[in-house]
Amino acid sequence: MPEPSHRRRLLILAICCMSLLIVSLDITILNVALPSIRREFHADTSGMQWTIDAYTVVLASLLMLSGSTADRIGRKKVFVAGLTVFALGSLLCSLAPSLELLVVFRMVQAVGGSMLNPVAMSIITNTFTDPRQRARAIGAWGAVVGISMAGGPVVGGLLVESVGWRSIFWINLPVGLAALLLTLRFVPESRAPRARRFDPVGQLLVTTLFGSLTYAIIEAPDTGPGTVAPFAGLALAALLALLRYEPRRTEPLIDLRFFRSAPFSGATVIAVGAFAALGGFLFLSTLYLQNVRGLDALHAGLWMLPMAGAMFVCAPLSGRLVGNRGTRLPLLVAGAGMAASGLLFAAFRAETSNVTLLIGYLLFGIGFGFVNTPITNTAVSGMPRTQAGVAAAVASTSRQVGQTLGVAVIGAVLSSGIGSSPYRQAFVAAARPAWWIITGCGLAVLFLGLLTSGRWARGTAERTAQRLESPEVRQAIGASRRG
């Protein structure tokens, strides 16, 4: 197949970014709508957590399956299926008559969403083969997160206040339809040269691990440790079984050899930490602005606009820095920004003043704006192109695991701190430990960014890439070098 023209590559990038837009927009819009959903369905804190985490748990569980399936049967086929299912799930969410069914329909959305982001990233990786161009393309991809952050709270606030919270899911329908039609017309089909086998046992273990761990964390404050202990034990058993079973398979769902690369392992843990901070930050901010300050959804969204604007500006800048200077500087800026923001809220009560609240939001937006591109670029650039879908899926899974844990842990900490006290009066004090957790996540990004971006780390990445290449590819490379 001939290489696509520059204009065609940009169009493919734009189509892939549309899929990221609706998936990311869905998260930010939903956060603004949480208080309205809470009032209509009389939901408690754990109920609100499940409206977010039901989506992210299913998404995290299926991303690697979707990535490997796309490599096997065709990336375009899986991408089209994902857009269709995601749009259907969005329509069902807008019609949900109860909180329980809303959670179920969010899971349907997640099944479609699992086929979008990792597959789109694999399409981008195989479209932009030059490392510098790929880093810039991923920077543009990361800027879409900023667009969704900027537009989500404001658009969501307008829709919630004028039409109602159900309308937040309608916006996915025209964007999803446009992306579907453009994909059918312009995106070429691609797949790995050799199909990977399906791994049902590995898939079951991954789903069990994420689902049982999330349930244990969310339900612990309400049901007590005795009730959730079996689920925590089930999560541990699934993890141990996964670590024992996967290395024995010729073509595992999770190729644990990826993690011999220090940059890849670092990017995976950084993704968990950064997105845990993001999930917790959005959860706390939404509840604080609307339930403590008493703002409506629109004005709460406007307060988040500076944070989203900083993400939008910093994401493409991060892409250029990664392309020109590598991942270390963007990761250090990211960790410093998120840690400083969390520290401002945890130690200096930033929410008690409009000025410090604004500074806290800006610092977090700057930090998170720099983190996404180095995560994605590290995940896919050091791996064989034949495994781009699986590598991108591991990175996307790490993001969703992080966001799931962020909402679950910080929601549990908040729920435990509030207890039976009046919600508005107890919120600020109860949120203090949660802000310290976000600070710790930022410091982890800073430390790991420093540790996994040097010469030693690059050496481990090169050796890992050589081990992952198939014997046929290694022979071809050797023959070309001898020639």
Protein backbone atom coordinates (compact mmCIF):
# COMPACT_ATOMS: atom_id res chain seq x y z
CA MET A 1 0.00 0.00 0.00
CA PRO A 2 1.44 3.44 -0.95
CA GLU A 3 2.13 5.96 1.81
CA PRO A 4 -0.81 8.41 2.21
CA SER A 5 -0.23 12.04 1.27
CA HIS A 6 0.40 14.68 3.92
CA ARG A 7 -3.15 16.00 3.55
CA ARG A 8 -4.59 12.49 3.84
CA ARG A 9 -2.55 11.83 6.97
CA LEU A 10 -3.86 15.02 8.57
CA LEU A 11 -7.42 14.01 7.70
CA ILE A 12 -6.92 10.58 9.28
CA LEU A 13 -5.52 12.31 12.39
CA ALA A 14 -8.59 14.56 12.55
CA ILE A 15 -10.95 11.58 12.27
CA CYS A 16 -9.12 9.75 15.07
CA CYS A 17 -9.23 12.89 17.20
CA MET A 18 -13.02 13.02 16.79
CA SER A 19 -13.27 9.66 18.54
CA LEU A 20 -11.12 10.91 21.40
CA LEU A 21 -13.27 14.04 21.61
CA ILE A 22 -16.52 12.21 22.28
CA VAL A 23 -14.92 9.77 24.75
CA SER A 24 -13.16 12.56 26.70
CA LEU A 25 -16.08 14.98 26.44
CA ASP A 26 -18.34 12.34 27.95
CA ILE A 27 -16.24 12.27 31.14
CA THR A 28 -16.04 16.04 31.69
CA ILE A 29 -19.69 16.66 30.84
CA LEU A 30 -20.80 13.89 33.17
CA ASN A 31 -18.85 15.37 36.09
CA VAL A 32 -20.74 18.66 35.73
CA ALA A 33 -24.05 16.77 35.62
CA LEU A 34 -23.40 14.65 38.74
CA PRO A 35 -25.31 16.88 41.20
CA SER A 36 -28.37 16.89 38.88
CA ILE A 37 -28.22 13.09 38.53
CA ARG A 38 -27.85 12.83 42.29
CA ARG A 39 -30.99 14.89 42.89
CA GLU A 40 -33.14 13.06 40.33
CA PHE A 41 -32.19 9.55 41.42
CA HIS A 42 -31.55 10.37 45.13
CA ALA A 43 -28.06 8.87 44.78
CA ASP A 44 -25.39 8.78 47.50
CA THR A 45 -21.65 9.32 46.98
CA SER A 46 -21.05 5.70 45.94
CA GLY A 47 -23.86 5.94 43.39
CA MET A 48 -22.20 8.94 41.78
CA GLN A 49 -18.88 7.11 41.79
CA TRP A 50 -20.45 4.18 39.93
CA THR A 51 -21.82 6.39 37.16
CA ILE A 52 -18.18 7.25 36.38
CA ASP A 53 -16.38 4.05 37.36
CA ALA A 54 -18.78 1.62 35.68
CA TYR A 55 -17.60 3.20 32.43
CA THR A 56 -13.90 3.29 33.22
CA VAL A 57 -13.78 -0.26 34.69
CA VAL A 58 -15.32 -1.81 31.58
CA LEU A 59 -13.16 0.40 29.38
CA ALA A 60 -9.98 -0.63 31.20
CA SER A 61 -10.96 -4.30 31.09
CA LEU A 62 -11.53 -4.40 27.33
CA LEU A 63 -8.90 -2.03 25.92
CA MET A 64 -6.19 -4.64 25.48
CA LEU A 65 -8.65 -7.08 23.92
CA SER A 66 -9.78 -4.36 21.49
CA GLY A 67 -6.19 -3.43 20.65
CA SER A 68 -5.13 -7.00 19.91
CA THR A 69 -8.37 -7.72 18.04
CA ALA A 70 -7.81 -4.66 15.86
CA ASP A 71 -4.27 -5.81 15.08
CA ARG A 72 -5.73 -9.21 14.13
CA ILE A 73 -8.92 -8.53 12.11
CA GLY A 74 -8.37 -4.94 10.99
CA ARG A 75 -8.16 -1.61 12.77
CA LYS A 76 -10.74 0.12 10.58
CA LYS A 77 -13.34 -2.62 11.21
CA VAL A 78 -12.95 -2.39 14.99
CA PHE A 79 -12.94 1.43 14.92
CA VAL A 80 -16.22 1.50 12.96
CA ALA A 81 -17.79 -0.99 15.37
CA GLY A 82 -16.65 1.12 18.33
CA LEU A 83 -18.21 4.30 16.97
CA THR A 84 -21.51 2.49 16.39
CA VAL A 85 -21.70 0.91 19.85
CA PHE A 86 -20.60 4.11 21.60
CA ALA A 87 -23.35 6.12 19.87
CA LEU A 88 -25.93 3.47 20.77
CA GLY A 89 -24.79 3.49 24.42
CA SER A 90 -25.03 7.30 24.50
CA LEU A 91 -28.63 7.15 23.25
CA LEU A 92 -29.53 4.57 25.89
CA CYS A 93 -27.92 6.68 28.66
CA SER A 94 -30.09 9.64 27.69
CA LEU A 95 -33.21 7.45 28.16
CA ALA A 96 -32.19 5.77 31.46
CA PRO A 97 -35.18 5.64 33.88
CA SER A 98 -33.08 4.79 36.98
CA LEU A 99 -29.57 5.05 38.35
CA GLU A 100 -29.05 1.30 38.00
CA LEU A 101 -29.92 1.34 34.30
CA LEU A 102 -27.80 4.44 33.75
CA VAL A 103 -24.85 2.49 35.14
CA VAL A 104 -25.64 -0.45 32.83
CA PHE A 105 -25.91 1.81 29.77
CA ARG A 106 -22.64 3.48 30.71
CA MET A 107 -21.11 0.01 30.46
CA VAL A 108 -22.52 -0.30 26.92
CA GLN A 109 -20.85 3.02 26.10
CA ALA A 110 -17.59 1.67 27.49
CA VAL A 111 -17.70 -1.40 25.24
CA GLY A 112 -17.75 0.97 22.26
CA GLY A 113 -15.21 3.32 23.80
CA SER A 114 -12.75 0.46 24.30
CA MET A 115 -12.62 0.07 20.50
CA LEU A 116 -11.86 3.75 19.86
CA ASN A 117 -8.86 5.30 21.61
CA PRO A 118 -6.30 2.45 21.45
CA VAL A 119 -7.33 1.59 17.90
CA ALA A 120 -7.20 5.24 16.84
CA MET A 121 -3.72 5.53 18.37
CA SER A 122 -2.64 2.43 16.49
CA ILE A 123 -3.97 3.95 13.25
CA ILE A 124 -2.01 7.16 13.98
CA THR A 125 1.16 5.17 14.75
CA ASN A 126 0.93 3.33 11.45
CA THR A 127 0.06 6.53 9.53
CA PHE A 128 2.82 8.76 10.95
CA THR A 129 5.92 6.61 10.68
CA ASP A 130 8.48 9.42 11.15
CA PRO A 131 9.22 9.69 14.92
CA ARG A 132 9.16 13.50 14.97
CA GLN A 133 5.93 13.74 12.98
CA ARG A 134 4.40 11.05 15.16
CA ALA A 135 5.27 12.95 18.35
CA ARG A 136 3.61 16.09 16.95
CA ALA A 137 0.56 14.12 15.84
CA ILE A 138 0.27 12.67 19.34
CA GLY A 139 0.62 16.22 20.70
CA ALA A 140 -2.35 17.29 18.58
CA TRP A 141 -4.18 14.19 19.82
CA GLY A 142 -3.43 15.28 23.39
CA ALA A 143 -4.72 18.79 22.65
CA VAL A 144 -8.14 17.25 22.02
CA VAL A 145 -8.23 16.32 25.71
CA GLY A 146 -7.80 20.03 26.42
CA ILE A 147 -10.59 20.88 23.98
CA SER A 148 -12.90 18.42 25.71
CA MET A 149 -11.89 19.82 29.09
CA ALA A 150 -12.52 23.35 27.88
CA GLY A 151 -15.78 22.62 26.11
CA GLY A 152 -17.13 19.87 28.34
CA PRO A 153 -17.87 21.81 31.52
CA VAL A 154 -19.28 24.83 29.68
CA VAL A 155 -21.32 22.89 27.11
CA GLY A 156 -22.42 20.47 29.83
CA GLY A 157 -23.41 23.35 32.11
CA LEU A 158 -25.47 24.99 29.36
CA LEU A 159 -27.21 21.72 28.50
CA VAL A 160 -27.89 20.75 32.12
CA GLU A 161 -29.30 24.17 33.00
CA SER A 162 -31.36 24.65 29.82
CA VAL A 163 -32.48 21.15 28.79
CA GLY A 164 -31.51 18.74 31.56
CA TRP A 165 -28.72 16.27 32.31
CA ARG A 166 -29.96 13.72 29.77
CA SER A 167 -29.04 16.05 26.92
CA ILE A 168 -25.31 15.71 27.72
CA PHE A 169 -25.34 12.33 25.94
CA TRP A 170 -26.99 13.69 22.80
CA ILE A 171 -23.85 15.55 21.73
CA ASN A 172 -22.10 12.22 21.08
CA LEU A 173 -24.57 11.30 18.34
CA PRO A 174 -23.75 13.85 15.58
CA VAL A 175 -20.00 13.73 16.27
CA GLY A 176 -20.02 9.94 16.29
CA LEU A 177 -22.03 9.78 13.06
CA ALA A 178 -19.68 12.23 11.30
CA ALA A 179 -16.62 10.26 12.46
CA LEU A 180 -18.25 7.01 11.27
CA LEU A 181 -18.98 8.32 7.76
CA LEU A 182 -15.51 9.86 7.41
CA THR A 183 -13.85 6.66 8.60
CA LEU A 184 -15.70 4.57 6.03
CA ARG A 185 -14.64 6.98 3.30
CA PHE A 186 -11.05 7.97 4.12
CA VAL A 187 -9.36 5.70 6.69
CA PRO A 188 -7.43 2.79 5.10
CA GLU A 189 -7.62 -0.68 6.58
CA SER A 190 -4.52 -1.98 8.37
CA ARG A 191 -3.64 -4.96 10.52
CA ALA A 192 -0.64 -6.75 11.94
CA PRO A 193 1.11 -9.10 9.46
CA ARG A 194 0.37 -12.10 11.67
CA ALA A 195 -2.81 -12.57 13.71
CA ARG A 196 -2.57 -12.91 17.49
CA ARG A 197 -4.63 -15.59 19.22
CA PHE A 198 -7.51 -14.74 21.54
CA ASP A 199 -6.72 -15.16 25.26
CA PRO A 200 -10.05 -15.80 27.08
CA VAL A 201 -8.44 -16.74 30.40
CA GLY A 202 -6.30 -13.60 30.46
CA GLN A 203 -9.33 -11.47 29.56
CA LEU A 204 -11.40 -13.00 32.37
CA LEU A 205 -8.60 -12.42 34.89
CA VAL A 206 -8.17 -8.77 33.85
CA THR A 207 -11.92 -8.10 34.13
CA THR A 208 -12.08 -9.83 37.52
CA LEU A 209 -9.09 -7.86 38.81
CA PHE A 210 -10.38 -4.41 37.83
CA GLY A 211 -14.03 -5.03 38.71
CA SER A 212 -13.50 -6.58 42.14
CA LEU A 213 -10.83 -4.04 43.17
CA THR A 214 -13.04 -1.09 42.21
CA TYR A 215 -16.04 -2.57 44.02
CA ALA A 216 -14.02 -3.12 47.18
CA ILE A 217 -12.75 0.48 47.23
CA ILE A 218 -16.06 2.19 46.44
CA GLU A 219 -18.26 0.14 48.77
CA ALA A 220 -15.87 -0.04 51.75
CA PRO A 221 -17.06 3.22 53.43
CA ASP A 222 -20.73 2.14 53.32
CA THR A 223 -20.61 -1.63 53.89
CA GLY A 224 -17.48 -2.00 56.01
CA PRO A 225 -14.27 -4.00 55.49
CA GLY A 226 -15.88 -7.35 56.33
CA THR A 227 -18.22 -7.17 53.36
CA VAL A 228 -15.64 -6.04 50.79
CA ALA A 229 -12.75 -8.24 52.01
CA PRO A 230 -13.77 -11.16 49.72
CA PHE A 231 -13.69 -8.81 46.71
CA ALA A 232 -10.26 -7.50 47.69
CA GLY A 233 -9.07 -11.09 48.04
CA LEU A 234 -10.54 -11.93 44.64
CA ALA A 235 -8.66 -9.01 43.08
CA LEU A 236 -5.38 -10.20 44.62
CA ALA A 237 -5.98 -13.78 43.45
CA ALA A 238 -6.74 -12.56 39.91
CA LEU A 239 -3.52 -10.51 39.87
CA LEU A 240 -1.38 -13.43 41.03
CA ALA A 241 -3.03 -15.77 38.52
CA LEU A 242 -2.47 -13.23 35.74
CA LEU A 243 1.23 -12.91 36.58
CA ARG A 244 1.60 -16.70 36.59
CA TYR A 245 -0.52 -17.55 33.54
CA GLU A 246 0.35 -14.86 30.98
CA PRO A 247 4.13 -15.51 30.67
CA ARG A 248 3.38 -19.14 29.77
CA ARG A 249 1.32 -18.22 26.70
CA THR A 250 2.95 -17.81 23.31
CA GLU A 251 0.66 -14.86 22.50
CA PRO A 252 -0.68 -13.49 25.79
CA LEU A 253 -3.30 -10.77 26.22
CA ILE A 254 -0.70 -8.79 28.17
CA ASP A 255 2.85 -9.35 26.97
CA LEU A 256 4.74 -8.89 30.22
CA ARG A 257 7.98 -8.47 28.25
CA PHE A 258 6.81 -4.93 27.47
CA PHE A 259 7.55 -4.04 31.08
CA ARG A 260 11.24 -4.89 30.74
CA SER A 261 11.47 -1.48 29.09
CA ALA A 262 11.96 1.09 31.85
CA PRO A 263 10.37 3.92 29.79
CA PHE A 264 7.33 1.74 29.02
CA SER A 265 6.95 0.65 32.66
CA GLY A 266 7.45 4.24 33.81
CA ALA A 267 4.88 5.52 31.32
CA THR A 268 2.39 2.91 32.54
CA VAL A 269 2.75 3.88 36.20
CA ILE A 270 2.84 7.60 35.33
CA ALA A 271 -0.43 7.17 33.42
CA VAL A 272 -2.05 5.53 36.45
CA GLY A 273 -0.83 8.30 38.77
CA ALA A 274 -1.66 11.21 36.46
CA PHE A 275 -5.15 10.00 35.59
CA ALA A 276 -5.89 9.07 39.20
CA ALA A 277 -5.09 12.69 40.02
CA LEU A 278 -7.31 13.89 37.16
CA GLY A 279 -10.26 11.68 38.13
CA GLY A 280 -10.03 12.71 41.77
CA PHE A 281 -9.50 16.38 40.92
CA LEU A 282 -12.59 16.58 38.70
CA PHE A 283 -14.70 14.63 41.19
CA LEU A 284 -13.75 16.87 44.12
CA SER A 285 -14.00 20.11 42.14
CA THR A 286 -17.46 19.38 40.75
CA LEU A 287 -18.92 18.47 44.13
CA TYR A 288 -17.25 21.44 45.83
CA LEU A 289 -18.32 24.07 43.30
CA GLN A 290 -21.94 22.94 43.12
CA ASN A 291 -22.71 21.39 46.50
CA VAL A 292 -20.55 23.60 48.76
CA ARG A 293 -20.35 26.91 46.90
CA GLY A 294 -23.86 26.48 45.57
CA LEU A 295 -23.03 27.28 41.93
CA ASP A 296 -25.20 26.00 39.10
CA ALA A 297 -23.76 23.63 36.50
CA LEU A 298 -22.93 26.42 34.02
CA HIS A 299 -21.00 28.58 36.50
CA ALA A 300 -19.21 25.53 37.87
CA GLY A 301 -18.14 24.74 34.31
CA LEU A 302 -16.87 28.29 33.81
CA TRP A 303 -14.69 27.95 36.93
CA MET A 304 -13.00 24.92 35.34
CA LEU A 305 -12.35 26.75 32.08
CA PRO A 306 -8.87 28.11 33.06
CA MET A 307 -7.70 24.58 33.89
CA ALA A 308 -9.03 23.29 30.57
CA GLY A 309 -7.49 26.20 28.66
CA ALA A 310 -4.08 25.45 30.18
CA MET A 311 -4.40 21.81 29.07
CA PHE A 312 -5.34 22.89 25.55
CA VAL A 313 -2.30 25.20 25.26
CA CYS A 314 0.23 22.88 26.89
CA ALA A 315 -0.63 19.60 25.11
CA PRO A 316 0.68 20.58 21.64
CA LEU A 317 3.66 22.31 23.27
CA SER A 318 4.40 19.03 25.02
CA GLY A 319 4.24 17.24 21.67
CA ARG A 320 6.83 19.59 20.18
CA LEU A 321 9.11 19.17 23.19
CA VAL A 322 8.85 15.38 22.98
CA GLY A 323 9.64 15.48 19.26
CA ASN A 324 12.63 17.81 19.68
CA ARG A 325 14.06 17.04 23.13
CA GLY A 326 12.51 13.81 24.40
CA THR A 327 10.11 13.03 27.24
CA ARG A 328 12.06 14.12 30.35
CA LEU A 329 11.28 17.87 30.41
CA PRO A 330 7.52 17.48 29.74
CA LEU A 331 7.24 14.83 32.47
CA LEU A 332 9.10 16.99 35.01
CA VAL A 333 6.84 19.98 34.25
CA ALA A 334 3.79 17.72 34.47
CA GLY A 335 4.71 16.26 37.84
CA ALA A 336 5.68 19.65 39.30
CA GLY A 337 2.44 21.29 38.14
CA MET A 338 0.11 18.60 39.50
CA ALA A 339 2.00 18.29 42.79
CA ALA A 340 2.00 22.08 43.31
CA SER A 341 -1.74 22.22 42.66
CA GLY A 342 -2.53 19.42 45.09
CA LEU A 343 -0.26 20.99 47.72
CA LEU A 344 -2.02 24.33 47.34
CA PHE A 345 -5.36 22.72 48.18
CA ALA A 346 -4.03 20.32 50.82
CA ALA A 347 -1.81 22.64 52.85
CA PHE A 348 -3.01 26.16 52.01
CA ARG A 349 -6.78 25.69 51.60
CA ALA A 350 -6.82 27.07 48.06
CA GLU A 351 -10.62 26.74 47.83
CA THR A 352 -11.14 29.39 50.50
CA SER A 353 -10.10 32.22 48.14
CA ASN A 354 -11.08 32.89 44.54
CA VAL A 355 -7.49 33.80 43.63
CA THR A 356 -5.86 30.70 45.09
CA LEU A 357 -8.64 28.52 43.69
CA LEU A 358 -7.93 29.90 40.21
CA ILE A 359 -4.16 29.39 40.65
CA GLY A 360 -4.75 25.80 41.78
CA TYR A 361 -6.83 25.07 38.70
CA LEU A 362 -4.25 26.67 36.38
CA LEU A 363 -1.36 24.71 37.90
CA PHE A 364 -3.21 21.43 37.52
CA GLY A 365 -4.14 22.25 33.93
CA ILE A 366 -0.51 23.04 33.06
CA GLY A 367 0.73 19.84 34.70
CA PHE A 368 -1.82 17.56 33.11
CA GLY A 369 -1.45 19.27 29.74
CA PHE A 370 2.20 18.18 29.60
CA VAL A 371 1.74 14.57 30.72
CA ASN A 372 -0.39 12.90 28.04
CA THR A 373 1.92 13.13 25.02
CA PRO A 374 5.05 11.61 26.66
CA ILE A 375 2.93 8.74 28.04
CA THR A 376 1.51 7.85 24.64
CA ASN A 377 4.70 8.46 22.68
CA THR A 378 6.74 6.29 25.06
CA ALA A 379 4.19 3.49 24.89
CA VAL A 380 4.17 3.16 21.10
CA SER A 381 7.50 4.52 19.84
CA GLY A 382 9.74 1.84 21.34
CA MET A 383 7.60 -1.10 20.26
CA PRO A 384 7.42 -2.96 16.91
CA ARG A 385 4.76 -1.49 14.63
CA THR A 386 3.20 -4.94 14.42
CA GLN A 387 2.25 -4.65 18.10
CA ALA A 388 1.25 -0.98 18.06
CA GLY A 389 -2.37 -1.77 18.91
CA VAL A 390 -1.49 -3.82 21.99
CA ALA A 391 1.11 -1.30 23.22
CA ALA A 392 -1.32 1.62 22.77
CA ALA A 393 -4.01 -0.41 24.54
CA VAL A 394 -1.75 -0.97 27.57
CA ALA A 395 -1.18 2.79 27.80
CA SER A 396 -4.92 3.49 27.44
CA THR A 397 -5.71 0.81 30.02
CA SER A 398 -3.32 2.48 32.46
CA ARG A 399 -5.17 5.76 32.00
CA GLN A 400 -8.54 4.21 32.68
CA VAL A 401 -7.25 2.20 35.65
CA GLY A 402 -5.83 5.44 37.06
CA GLN A 403 -9.06 7.35 36.58
CA THR A 404 -11.08 4.49 38.07
CA LEU A 405 -8.84 4.29 41.14
CA GLY A 406 -8.76 8.09 41.49
CA VAL A 407 -12.54 8.37 41.67
CA ALA A 408 -12.87 5.24 43.81
CA VAL A 409 -10.15 6.05 46.37
CA ILE A 410 -10.82 9.78 46.65
CA GLY A 411 -14.58 9.22 46.74
CA ALA A 412 -14.09 6.65 49.52
CA VAL A 413 -11.84 9.03 51.49
CA LEU A 414 -14.38 11.83 51.08
CA SER A 415 -17.30 9.63 52.08
CA SER A 416 -15.46 8.40 55.20
CA GLY A 417 -14.56 11.96 56.21
CA ILE A 418 -18.08 13.32 55.83
CA GLY A 419 -19.82 10.43 57.58
CA SER A 420 -23.12 11.63 59.05
CA SER A 421 -22.06 15.29 59.26
CA PRO A 422 -23.83 17.98 57.20
CA TYR A 423 -22.41 17.68 53.66
CA ARG A 424 -21.64 21.35 53.05
CA GLN A 425 -20.00 21.96 56.41
CA ALA A 426 -17.87 18.81 56.45
CA PHE A 427 -16.74 18.78 52.81
CA VAL A 428 -13.60 20.99 52.97
CA ALA A 429 -12.10 19.17 55.97
CA ALA A 430 -13.07 15.75 54.61
CA ALA A 431 -11.41 16.56 51.26
CA ARG A 432 -8.04 17.45 52.82
CA PRO A 433 -6.61 13.88 52.79
CA ALA A 434 -7.84 13.49 49.20
CA TRP A 435 -5.84 16.57 48.12
CA TRP A 436 -2.74 15.05 49.74
CA ILE A 437 -3.30 11.92 47.64
CA ILE A 438 -3.39 14.09 44.50
CA THR A 439 -0.16 15.77 45.64
CA GLY A 440 1.45 12.34 46.00
CA CYS A 441 0.36 11.38 42.49
CA GLY A 442 2.05 14.51 41.11
CA LEU A 443 5.28 13.75 42.98
CA ALA A 444 5.21 10.18 41.62
CA VAL A 445 4.98 11.54 38.06
CA LEU A 446 7.91 13.85 38.76
CA PHE A 447 10.13 11.14 40.24
CA LEU A 448 9.33 8.47 37.66
CA GLY A 449 9.75 10.95 34.81
CA LEU A 450 13.27 11.64 36.04
CA LEU A 451 14.10 7.96 36.62
CA THR A 452 12.80 6.47 33.35
CA SER A 453 13.95 9.04 30.76
CA GLY A 454 17.75 8.76 30.95
CA ARG A 455 20.38 6.76 29.07
CA TRP A 456 19.94 3.60 31.16
CA ALA A 457 16.19 3.63 30.56
CA ARG A 458 16.61 4.08 26.80
CA GLY A 459 18.97 1.09 26.75
CA THR A 460 16.33 -1.13 28.35
CA ALA A 461 13.80 0.05 25.74
CA GLU A 462 16.12 -0.85 22.85
CA ARG A 463 16.82 -4.32 24.25
CA THR A 464 13.10 -4.92 24.83
CA ALA A 465 12.20 -3.90 21.28
CA GLN A 466 14.76 -6.37 19.92
CA ARG A 467 13.29 -9.21 22.02
CA LEU A 468 9.75 -8.39 20.86
CA GLU A 469 10.52 -8.48 17.15
CA SER A 470 9.44 -11.71 15.49
CA PRO A 471 12.18 -14.06 14.20
CA GLU A 472 11.17 -13.18 10.64
CA VAL A 473 11.60 -9.45 11.29
CA ARG A 474 14.93 -10.00 13.04
CA GLN A 475 16.20 -12.03 10.07
CA ALA A 476 15.09 -9.32 7.64
CA ILE A 477 16.82 -6.63 9.70
CA GLY A 478 20.00 -8.72 9.88
CA ALA A 479 19.95 -9.34 6.13
CA SER A 480 19.49 -5.63 5.41
CA ARG A 481 22.40 -4.75 7.69
CA ARG A 482 24.66 -7.35 6.05
CA GLY A 483 23.66 -6.05 2.64
